[in-house]
Amino acid sequence: MKKTSDHRKKSRGLPTGQLIVGIIIILAGILLLLETTGIYPTRDILRFVPSLFIILGVWALVKSRLQTFFGPMILILFALAWQLIALDYITWSQIFDFWPIILILIGIYLIIGRYRSRVRESDSAYTSSFAVFGDVEKRNTSSDFTGGELSGIFSDVKFDLRDAKISDVPARLSVSVLFSDVDIIVPPEWNVQIDTLPILAESLDKRRKSEEEHEEVDLIVDGIAVFSDVYIKE
């Protein structure tokens, strides 16, 4: 039990994607509610909402250790432009003069991609992944997998658990995705229970029925999928 706790502390050194996005949504909702109900004028504060998305992009870069670069940088640049326009420092027509920056980012992304592995491996008992406008592919090889969190916005997330072992069933994997696709690859004998809330989305176990499937639930997949697909595969 202590070993599992240590793994969780190590993997949770940074806040998770669900926590960051949740905080941003709550803050924006509170500010909008105060403004629309007339309790307190927050229009001037709402002008700085784009800065929250800049913070989200920077956090995504730090969280992925630059493994996911292109998507977060697009988010940062878009939010930065939005913020400058909201503060009347620049206009939309002036923003279009800087479109070559996208070409520069693509070049940097291709160079970085040449020197890094596309599949990130982890032996942590608890894992988390967050993707913004990009693809993330992770493989977990823990001998004591307990669960994790997968979050994505306009992204594709692939999580491979075929080499993982669960000593204390069930493990719990929480999914929070918007306009994203999630593929969770598990051994054929695992009994997977899907408890996600799909909103204009699909959550399915697409594996063939196995005679070796365990009677006890090995993995619970919960969370929310909005305009997204969550599939269990083998």
C-alpha atoms as a PDB file:
ATOM      1  CA  MET A   1       0.000   0.000   0.000  1.00  0.00           C
ATOM      2  CA  LYS A   2       2.860   2.405   0.780  1.00  0.00           C
ATOM      3  CA  LYS A   3       4.448   1.686  -2.589  1.00  0.00           C
ATOM      4  CA  THR A   4       1.226   2.600  -4.382  1.00  0.00           C
ATOM      5  CA  SER A   5       0.921   5.794  -2.355  1.00  0.00           C
ATOM      6  CA  ASP A   6       4.470   6.787  -3.285  1.00  0.00           C
ATOM      7  CA  HIS A   7       3.713   6.230  -6.969  1.00  0.00           C
ATOM      8  CA  ARG A   8       0.655   8.450  -6.737  1.00  0.00           C
ATOM      9  CA  LYS A   9       2.533  11.253  -5.011  1.00  0.00           C
ATOM     10  CA  LYS A  10       5.257  11.135  -7.625  1.00  0.00           C
ATOM     11  CA  SER A  11       2.868  11.154 -10.593  1.00  0.00           C
ATOM     12  CA  ARG A  12       0.761  13.912  -9.058  1.00  0.00           C
ATOM     13  CA  GLY A  13       3.597  16.375  -8.654  1.00  0.00           C
ATOM     14  CA  LEU A  14       1.695  18.710 -11.010  1.00  0.00           C
ATOM     15  CA  PRO A  15      -2.061  19.324 -11.032  1.00  0.00           C
ATOM     16  CA  THR A  16      -4.015  17.141 -13.434  1.00  0.00           C
ATOM     17  CA  GLY A  17      -5.643  18.340 -16.628  1.00  0.00           C
ATOM     18  CA  GLN A  18      -9.104  17.801 -15.172  1.00  0.00           C
ATOM     19  CA  LEU A  19      -8.258  20.027 -12.203  1.00  0.00           C
ATOM     20  CA  ILE A  20      -6.817  22.862 -14.309  1.00  0.00           C
ATOM     21  CA  VAL A  21      -9.670  22.881 -16.841  1.00  0.00           C
ATOM     22  CA  GLY A  22     -12.218  22.552 -14.039  1.00  0.00           C
ATOM     23  CA  ILE A  23     -10.791  25.574 -12.215  1.00  0.00           C
ATOM     24  CA  ILE A  24     -10.844  27.665 -15.405  1.00  0.00           C
ATOM     25  CA  ILE A  25     -14.484  26.750 -16.100  1.00  0.00           C
ATOM     26  CA  ILE A  26     -15.519  27.499 -12.503  1.00  0.00           C
ATOM     27  CA  LEU A  27     -13.744  30.891 -12.480  1.00  0.00           C
ATOM     28  CA  ALA A  28     -15.268  31.891 -15.825  1.00  0.00           C
ATOM     29  CA  GLY A  29     -18.704  30.745 -14.650  1.00  0.00           C
ATOM     30  CA  ILE A  30     -18.486  32.715 -11.394  1.00  0.00           C
ATOM     31  CA  LEU A  31     -17.393  35.894 -13.195  1.00  0.00           C
ATOM     32  CA  LEU A  32     -20.172  35.551 -15.773  1.00  0.00           C
ATOM     33  CA  LEU A  33     -22.764  34.880 -13.059  1.00  0.00           C
ATOM     34  CA  LEU A  34     -21.727  37.971 -11.100  1.00  0.00           C
ATOM     35  CA  GLU A  35     -21.977  40.066 -14.269  1.00  0.00           C
ATOM     36  CA  THR A  36     -25.309  38.712 -15.570  1.00  0.00           C
ATOM     37  CA  THR A  37     -27.040  38.911 -12.183  1.00  0.00           C
ATOM     38  CA  GLY A  38     -25.754  42.409 -11.488  1.00  0.00           C
ATOM     39  CA  ILE A  39     -24.284  41.377  -8.142  1.00  0.00           C
ATOM     40  CA  TYR A  40     -20.888  42.782  -9.076  1.00  0.00           C
ATOM     41  CA  PRO A  41     -19.572  44.255 -12.343  1.00  0.00           C
ATOM     42  CA  THR A  42     -16.934  41.864 -13.677  1.00  0.00           C
ATOM     43  CA  ARG A  43     -16.719  43.013 -17.298  1.00  0.00           C
ATOM     44  CA  ASP A  44     -13.243  44.456 -16.801  1.00  0.00           C
ATOM     45  CA  ILE A  45     -12.084  41.242 -15.140  1.00  0.00           C
ATOM     46  CA  LEU A  46     -13.587  39.119 -17.933  1.00  0.00           C
ATOM     47  CA  ARG A  47     -11.231  40.852 -20.360  1.00  0.00           C
ATOM     48  CA  PHE A  48      -8.438  38.807 -18.782  1.00  0.00           C
ATOM     49  CA  VAL A  49     -10.124  35.407 -19.288  1.00  0.00           C
ATOM     50  CA  PRO A  50      -7.800  34.657 -22.281  1.00  0.00           C
ATOM     51  CA  SER A  51      -4.881  34.714 -19.837  1.00  0.00           C
ATOM     52  CA  LEU A  52      -6.332  31.612 -18.184  1.00  0.00           C
ATOM     53  CA  PHE A  53      -5.938  29.735 -21.473  1.00  0.00           C
ATOM     54  CA  ILE A  54      -2.359  30.990 -21.782  1.00  0.00           C
ATOM     55  CA  ILE A  55      -1.714  29.481 -18.352  1.00  0.00           C
ATOM     56  CA  LEU A  56      -3.391  26.253 -19.496  1.00  0.00           C
ATOM     57  CA  GLY A  57      -1.105  26.054 -22.541  1.00  0.00           C
ATOM     58  CA  VAL A  58       2.041  26.711 -20.509  1.00  0.00           C
ATOM     59  CA  TRP A  59       0.974  24.108 -17.968  1.00  0.00           C
ATOM     60  CA  ALA A  60       0.416  21.570 -20.767  1.00  0.00           C
ATOM     61  CA  LEU A  61       3.974  22.175 -22.027  1.00  0.00           C
ATOM     62  CA  VAL A  62       5.429  21.720 -18.547  1.00  0.00           C
ATOM     63  CA  LYS A  63       3.275  18.685 -17.814  1.00  0.00           C
ATOM     64  CA  SER A  64       4.379  16.908 -20.992  1.00  0.00           C
ATOM     65  CA  ARG A  65       8.007  18.032 -20.635  1.00  0.00           C
ATOM     66  CA  LEU A  66       7.736  19.439 -24.178  1.00  0.00           C
ATOM     67  CA  GLN A  67       6.732  16.024 -25.511  1.00  0.00           C
ATOM     68  CA  THR A  68       3.473  17.636 -26.613  1.00  0.00           C
ATOM     69  CA  PHE A  69       4.559  20.925 -28.182  1.00  0.00           C
ATOM     70  CA  PHE A  70       2.512  21.968 -31.197  1.00  0.00           C
ATOM     71  CA  GLY A  71      -0.965  21.885 -29.646  1.00  0.00           C
ATOM     72  CA  PRO A  72      -0.151  23.838 -26.465  1.00  0.00           C
ATOM     73  CA  MET A  73       1.799  26.442 -28.465  1.00  0.00           C
ATOM     74  CA  ILE A  74      -1.174  26.977 -30.800  1.00  0.00           C
ATOM     75  CA  LEU A  75      -3.391  27.440 -27.738  1.00  0.00           C
ATOM     76  CA  ILE A  76      -0.913  29.881 -26.170  1.00  0.00           C
ATOM     77  CA  LEU A  77      -0.599  31.974 -29.340  1.00  0.00           C
ATOM     78  CA  PHE A  78      -4.348  32.026 -29.944  1.00  0.00           C
ATOM     79  CA  ALA A  79      -5.060  33.009 -26.324  1.00  0.00           C
ATOM     80  CA  LEU A  80      -2.282  35.627 -26.429  1.00  0.00           C
ATOM     81  CA  ALA A  81      -3.778  37.190 -29.566  1.00  0.00           C
ATOM     82  CA  TRP A  82      -7.236  37.090 -27.979  1.00  0.00           C
ATOM     83  CA  GLN A  83      -5.867  38.772 -24.852  1.00  0.00           C
ATOM     84  CA  LEU A  84      -4.103  41.550 -26.781  1.00  0.00           C
ATOM     85  CA  ILE A  85      -7.284  42.222 -28.774  1.00  0.00           C
ATOM     86  CA  ALA A  86      -9.403  42.241 -25.605  1.00  0.00           C
ATOM     87  CA  LEU A  87      -7.057  44.853 -24.120  1.00  0.00           C
ATOM     88  CA  ASP A  88      -7.154  46.913 -27.351  1.00  0.00           C
ATOM     89  CA  TYR A  89      -3.422  46.551 -27.956  1.00  0.00           C
ATOM     90  CA  ILE A  90      -3.917  45.052 -31.399  1.00  0.00           C
ATOM     91  CA  THR A  91      -6.663  44.328 -33.942  1.00  0.00           C
ATOM     92  CA  TRP A  92      -7.682  41.142 -35.744  1.00  0.00           C
ATOM     93  CA  SER A  93      -6.382  42.522 -39.040  1.00  0.00           C
ATOM     94  CA  GLN A  94      -2.950  43.029 -37.484  1.00  0.00           C
ATOM     95  CA  ILE A  95      -2.986  39.483 -36.119  1.00  0.00           C
ATOM     96  CA  PHE A  96      -3.104  38.049 -39.644  1.00  0.00           C
ATOM     97  CA  ASP A  97       0.279  39.664 -40.386  1.00  0.00           C
ATOM     98  CA  PHE A  98       1.863  37.109 -38.053  1.00  0.00           C
ATOM     99  CA  TRP A  99       0.485  33.950 -39.705  1.00  0.00           C
ATOM    100  CA  PRO A 100       4.033  32.763 -40.717  1.00  0.00           C
ATOM    101  CA  ILE A 101       4.568  31.958 -37.037  1.00  0.00           C
ATOM    102  CA  ILE A 102       2.469  28.848 -37.673  1.00  0.00           C
ATOM    103  CA  LEU A 103       5.030  27.675 -40.251  1.00  0.00           C
ATOM    104  CA  ILE A 104       7.822  28.253 -37.730  1.00  0.00           C
ATOM    105  CA  LEU A 105       5.971  26.185 -35.129  1.00  0.00           C
ATOM    106  CA  ILE A 106       5.422  23.361 -37.602  1.00  0.00           C
ATOM    107  CA  GLY A 107       9.155  23.308 -38.358  1.00  0.00           C
ATOM    108  CA  ILE A 108      10.043  23.241 -34.654  1.00  0.00           C
ATOM    109  CA  TYR A 109       7.521  20.460 -34.098  1.00  0.00           C
ATOM    110  CA  LEU A 110       9.045  18.349 -36.881  1.00  0.00           C
ATOM    111  CA  ILE A 111      12.570  18.855 -35.504  1.00  0.00           C
ATOM    112  CA  ILE A 112      11.577  17.989 -31.952  1.00  0.00           C
ATOM    113  CA  GLY A 113       9.592  14.979 -33.154  1.00  0.00           C
ATOM    114  CA  ARG A 114      12.689  13.634 -34.862  1.00  0.00           C
ATOM    115  CA  TYR A 115      14.530  13.281 -31.548  1.00  0.00           C
ATOM    116  CA  ARG A 116      11.824  12.031 -29.255  1.00  0.00           C
ATOM    117  CA  SER A 117       9.921   8.800 -28.909  1.00  0.00           C
ATOM    118  CA  ARG A 118       6.283   9.043 -29.924  1.00  0.00           C
ATOM    119  CA  VAL A 119       5.266   6.506 -27.291  1.00  0.00           C
ATOM    120  CA  ARG A 120       5.875   7.506 -23.704  1.00  0.00           C
ATOM    121  CA  GLU A 121       6.334   4.645 -21.276  1.00  0.00           C
ATOM    122  CA  SER A 122       5.664   4.704 -17.557  1.00  0.00           C
ATOM    123  CA  ASP A 123       5.810   2.141 -14.772  1.00  0.00           C
ATOM    124  CA  SER A 124       3.961   4.372 -12.322  1.00  0.00           C
ATOM    125  CA  ALA A 125       0.994   2.865 -10.518  1.00  0.00           C
ATOM    126  CA  TYR A 126      -1.001   6.024 -11.177  1.00  0.00           C
ATOM    127  CA  THR A 127      -0.690   7.989 -14.391  1.00  0.00           C
ATOM    128  CA  SER A 128      -2.173  11.138 -15.888  1.00  0.00           C
ATOM    129  CA  SER A 129      -2.181  12.553 -19.389  1.00  0.00           C
ATOM    130  CA  PHE A 130      -3.395  15.817 -20.878  1.00  0.00           C
ATOM    131  CA  ALA A 131      -3.438  16.825 -24.539  1.00  0.00           C
ATOM    132  CA  VAL A 132      -4.460  20.056 -26.273  1.00  0.00           C
ATOM    133  CA  PHE A 133      -4.707  20.125 -30.094  1.00  0.00           C
ATOM    134  CA  GLY A 134      -2.356  17.166 -30.345  1.00  0.00           C
ATOM    135  CA  ASP A 135      -1.845  13.429 -30.010  1.00  0.00           C
ATOM    136  CA  VAL A 136      -0.624  11.577 -26.956  1.00  0.00           C
ATOM    137  CA  GLU A 137       0.363   7.917 -26.903  1.00  0.00           C
ATOM    138  CA  LYS A 138       1.328   6.358 -23.582  1.00  0.00           C
ATOM    139  CA  ARG A 139       2.153   2.848 -22.440  1.00  0.00           C
ATOM    140  CA  ASN A 140       1.944   1.777 -18.815  1.00  0.00           C
ATOM    141  CA  THR A 141       3.945  -1.230 -17.597  1.00  0.00           C
ATOM    142  CA  SER A 142       3.273  -1.009 -13.879  1.00  0.00           C
ATOM    143  CA  SER A 143       3.064  -4.253 -11.921  1.00  0.00           C
ATOM    144  CA  ASP A 144       0.652  -2.539  -9.512  1.00  0.00           C
ATOM    145  CA  PHE A 145      -1.534  -0.301 -11.670  1.00  0.00           C
ATOM    146  CA  THR A 146      -4.209   1.522  -9.671  1.00  0.00           C
ATOM    147  CA  GLY A 147      -5.638   4.002 -12.162  1.00  0.00           C
ATOM    148  CA  GLY A 148      -5.186   7.392 -13.724  1.00  0.00           C
ATOM    149  CA  GLU A 149      -6.682  10.365 -15.520  1.00  0.00           C
ATOM    150  CA  LEU A 150      -6.865  11.027 -19.262  1.00  0.00           C
ATOM    151  CA  SER A 151      -7.863  14.486 -20.470  1.00  0.00           C
ATOM    152  CA  GLY A 152      -7.951  15.928 -23.955  1.00  0.00           C
ATOM    153  CA  ILE A 153      -9.236  18.918 -25.916  1.00  0.00           C
ATOM    154  CA  PHE A 154      -9.312  18.500 -29.716  1.00  0.00           C
ATOM    155  CA  SER A 155      -6.862  15.616 -29.355  1.00  0.00           C
ATOM    156  CA  ASP A 156      -6.304  11.907 -29.824  1.00  0.00           C
ATOM    157  CA  VAL A 157      -5.240   9.949 -26.749  1.00  0.00           C
ATOM    158  CA  LYS A 158      -3.997   6.363 -26.865  1.00  0.00           C
ATOM    159  CA  PHE A 159      -3.330   4.548 -23.592  1.00  0.00           C
ATOM    160  CA  ASP A 160      -1.813   1.057 -23.724  1.00  0.00           C
ATOM    161  CA  LEU A 161      -2.267  -1.154 -20.649  1.00  0.00           C
ATOM    162  CA  ARG A 162      -1.432  -4.521 -22.196  1.00  0.00           C
ATOM    163  CA  ASP A 163       1.753  -4.855 -20.126  1.00  0.00           C
ATOM    164  CA  ALA A 164       0.250  -3.533 -16.895  1.00  0.00           C
ATOM    165  CA  LYS A 165      -0.856  -5.647 -13.945  1.00  0.00           C
ATOM    166  CA  ILE A 166      -3.539  -4.860 -11.360  1.00  0.00           C
ATOM    167  CA  SER A 167      -2.966  -6.319  -7.915  1.00  0.00           C
ATOM    168  CA  ASP A 168      -5.899  -4.637  -6.180  1.00  0.00           C
ATOM    169  CA  VAL A 169      -8.953  -4.672  -8.446  1.00  0.00           C
ATOM    170  CA  PRO A 170     -10.674  -2.684  -9.680  1.00  0.00           C
ATOM    171  CA  ALA A 171      -8.376   0.033 -10.980  1.00  0.00           C
ATOM    172  CA  ARG A 172     -10.136   3.253 -11.936  1.00  0.00           C
ATOM    173  CA  LEU A 173      -9.388   5.346 -15.009  1.00  0.00           C
ATOM    174  CA  SER A 174     -11.102   8.720 -15.276  1.00  0.00           C
ATOM    175  CA  VAL A 175     -11.617  10.260 -18.713  1.00  0.00           C
ATOM    176  CA  SER A 176     -12.503  13.902 -19.437  1.00  0.00           C
ATOM    177  CA  VAL A 177     -12.433  14.780 -23.132  1.00  0.00           C
ATOM    178  CA  LEU A 178     -13.861  17.394 -25.478  1.00  0.00           C
ATOM    179  CA  PHE A 179     -13.804  16.877 -29.265  1.00  0.00           C
ATOM    180  CA  SER A 180     -11.288  14.075 -28.774  1.00  0.00           C
ATOM    181  CA  ASP A 181     -10.851  10.356 -29.344  1.00  0.00           C
ATOM    182  CA  VAL A 182      -9.565   8.013 -26.653  1.00  0.00           C
ATOM    183  CA  ASP A 183      -8.367   4.451 -27.254  1.00  0.00           C
ATOM    184  CA  ILE A 184      -7.690   2.387 -24.131  1.00  0.00           C
ATOM    185  CA  ILE A 185      -5.905  -0.854 -24.997  1.00  0.00           C
ATOM    186  CA  VAL A 186      -6.186  -3.627 -22.424  1.00  0.00           C
ATOM    187  CA  PRO A 187      -5.503  -7.382 -22.233  1.00  0.00           C
ATOM    188  CA  PRO A 188      -8.347  -9.513 -23.639  1.00  0.00           C
ATOM    189  CA  GLU A 189      -9.002 -11.181 -20.290  1.00  0.00           C
ATOM    190  CA  TRP A 190      -9.646  -7.917 -18.427  1.00  0.00           C
ATOM    191  CA  ASN A 191     -13.218  -7.243 -17.377  1.00  0.00           C
ATOM    192  CA  VAL A 192     -13.785  -3.546 -18.101  1.00  0.00           C
ATOM    193  CA  GLN A 193     -16.760  -1.613 -16.792  1.00  0.00           C
ATOM    194  CA  ILE A 194     -17.564   1.617 -18.673  1.00  0.00           C
ATOM    195  CA  ASP A 195     -19.252   4.304 -16.564  1.00  0.00           C
ATOM    196  CA  THR A 196     -18.516   7.360 -18.695  1.00  0.00           C
ATOM    197  CA  LEU A 197     -21.165   9.958 -19.460  1.00  0.00           C
ATOM    198  CA  PRO A 198     -21.229  10.414 -23.255  1.00  0.00           C
ATOM    199  CA  ILE A 199     -22.736  13.665 -24.535  1.00  0.00           C
ATOM    200  CA  LEU A 200     -23.184  13.453 -28.303  1.00  0.00           C
ATOM    201  CA  ALA A 201     -20.430  10.876 -28.003  1.00  0.00           C
ATOM    202  CA  GLU A 202     -19.794   7.141 -27.885  1.00  0.00           C
ATOM    203  CA  SER A 203     -18.232   4.913 -25.216  1.00  0.00           C
ATOM    204  CA  LEU A 204     -17.868   1.283 -26.220  1.00  0.00           C
ATOM    205  CA  ASP A 205     -15.895  -1.878 -25.528  1.00  0.00           C
ATOM    206  CA  LYS A 206     -14.905  -2.929 -29.053  1.00  0.00           C
ATOM    207  CA  ARG A 207     -13.034  -6.086 -28.065  1.00  0.00           C
ATOM    208  CA  ARG A 208     -14.162  -9.513 -29.116  1.00  0.00           C
ATOM    209  CA  LYS A 209     -15.723 -11.512 -26.313  1.00  0.00           C
ATOM    210  CA  SER A 210     -13.063 -13.633 -24.626  1.00  0.00           C
ATOM    211  CA  GLU A 211     -13.719 -16.906 -22.824  1.00  0.00           C
ATOM    212  CA  GLU A 212     -10.857 -15.993 -20.479  1.00  0.00           C
ATOM    213  CA  GLU A 213     -12.489 -12.765 -19.308  1.00  0.00           C
ATOM    214  CA  HIS A 214     -12.376 -12.400 -15.528  1.00  0.00           C
ATOM    215  CA  GLU A 215     -15.636 -12.511 -13.578  1.00  0.00           C
ATOM    216  CA  GLU A 216     -14.463  -9.710 -11.297  1.00  0.00           C
ATOM    217  CA  VAL A 217     -14.165  -6.204 -12.727  1.00  0.00           C
ATOM    218  CA  ASP A 218     -10.525  -5.317 -13.367  1.00  0.00           C
ATOM    219  CA  LEU A 219     -10.894  -1.760 -14.624  1.00  0.00           C
ATOM    220  CA  ILE A 220     -13.567   0.915 -14.281  1.00  0.00           C
ATOM    221  CA  VAL A 221     -13.530   3.692 -16.871  1.00  0.00           C
ATOM    222  CA  ASP A 222     -15.555   6.708 -15.765  1.00  0.00           C
ATOM    223  CA  GLY A 223     -15.716  10.424 -16.516  1.00  0.00           C
ATOM    224  CA  ILE A 224     -17.319  12.475 -19.276  1.00  0.00           C
ATOM    225  CA  ALA A 225     -16.948  12.553 -23.064  1.00  0.00           C
ATOM    226  CA  VAL A 226     -18.353  15.502 -25.013  1.00  0.00           C
ATOM    227  CA  PHE A 227     -18.381  15.207 -28.812  1.00  0.00           C
ATOM    228  CA  SER A 228     -15.797  12.470 -28.286  1.00  0.00           C
ATOM    229  CA  ASP A 229     -15.349   8.717 -28.615  1.00  0.00           C
ATOM    230  CA  VAL A 230     -13.962   6.464 -25.898  1.00  0.00           C
ATOM    231  CA  TYR A 231     -13.138   2.927 -27.011  1.00  0.00           C
ATOM    232  CA  ILE A 232     -11.768  -0.090 -25.181  1.00  0.00           C
ATOM    233  CA  LYS A 233      -9.583  -2.135 -27.526  1.00  0.00           C
ATOM    234  CA  GLU A 234      -7.199  -5.078 -27.428  1.00  0.00           C
END
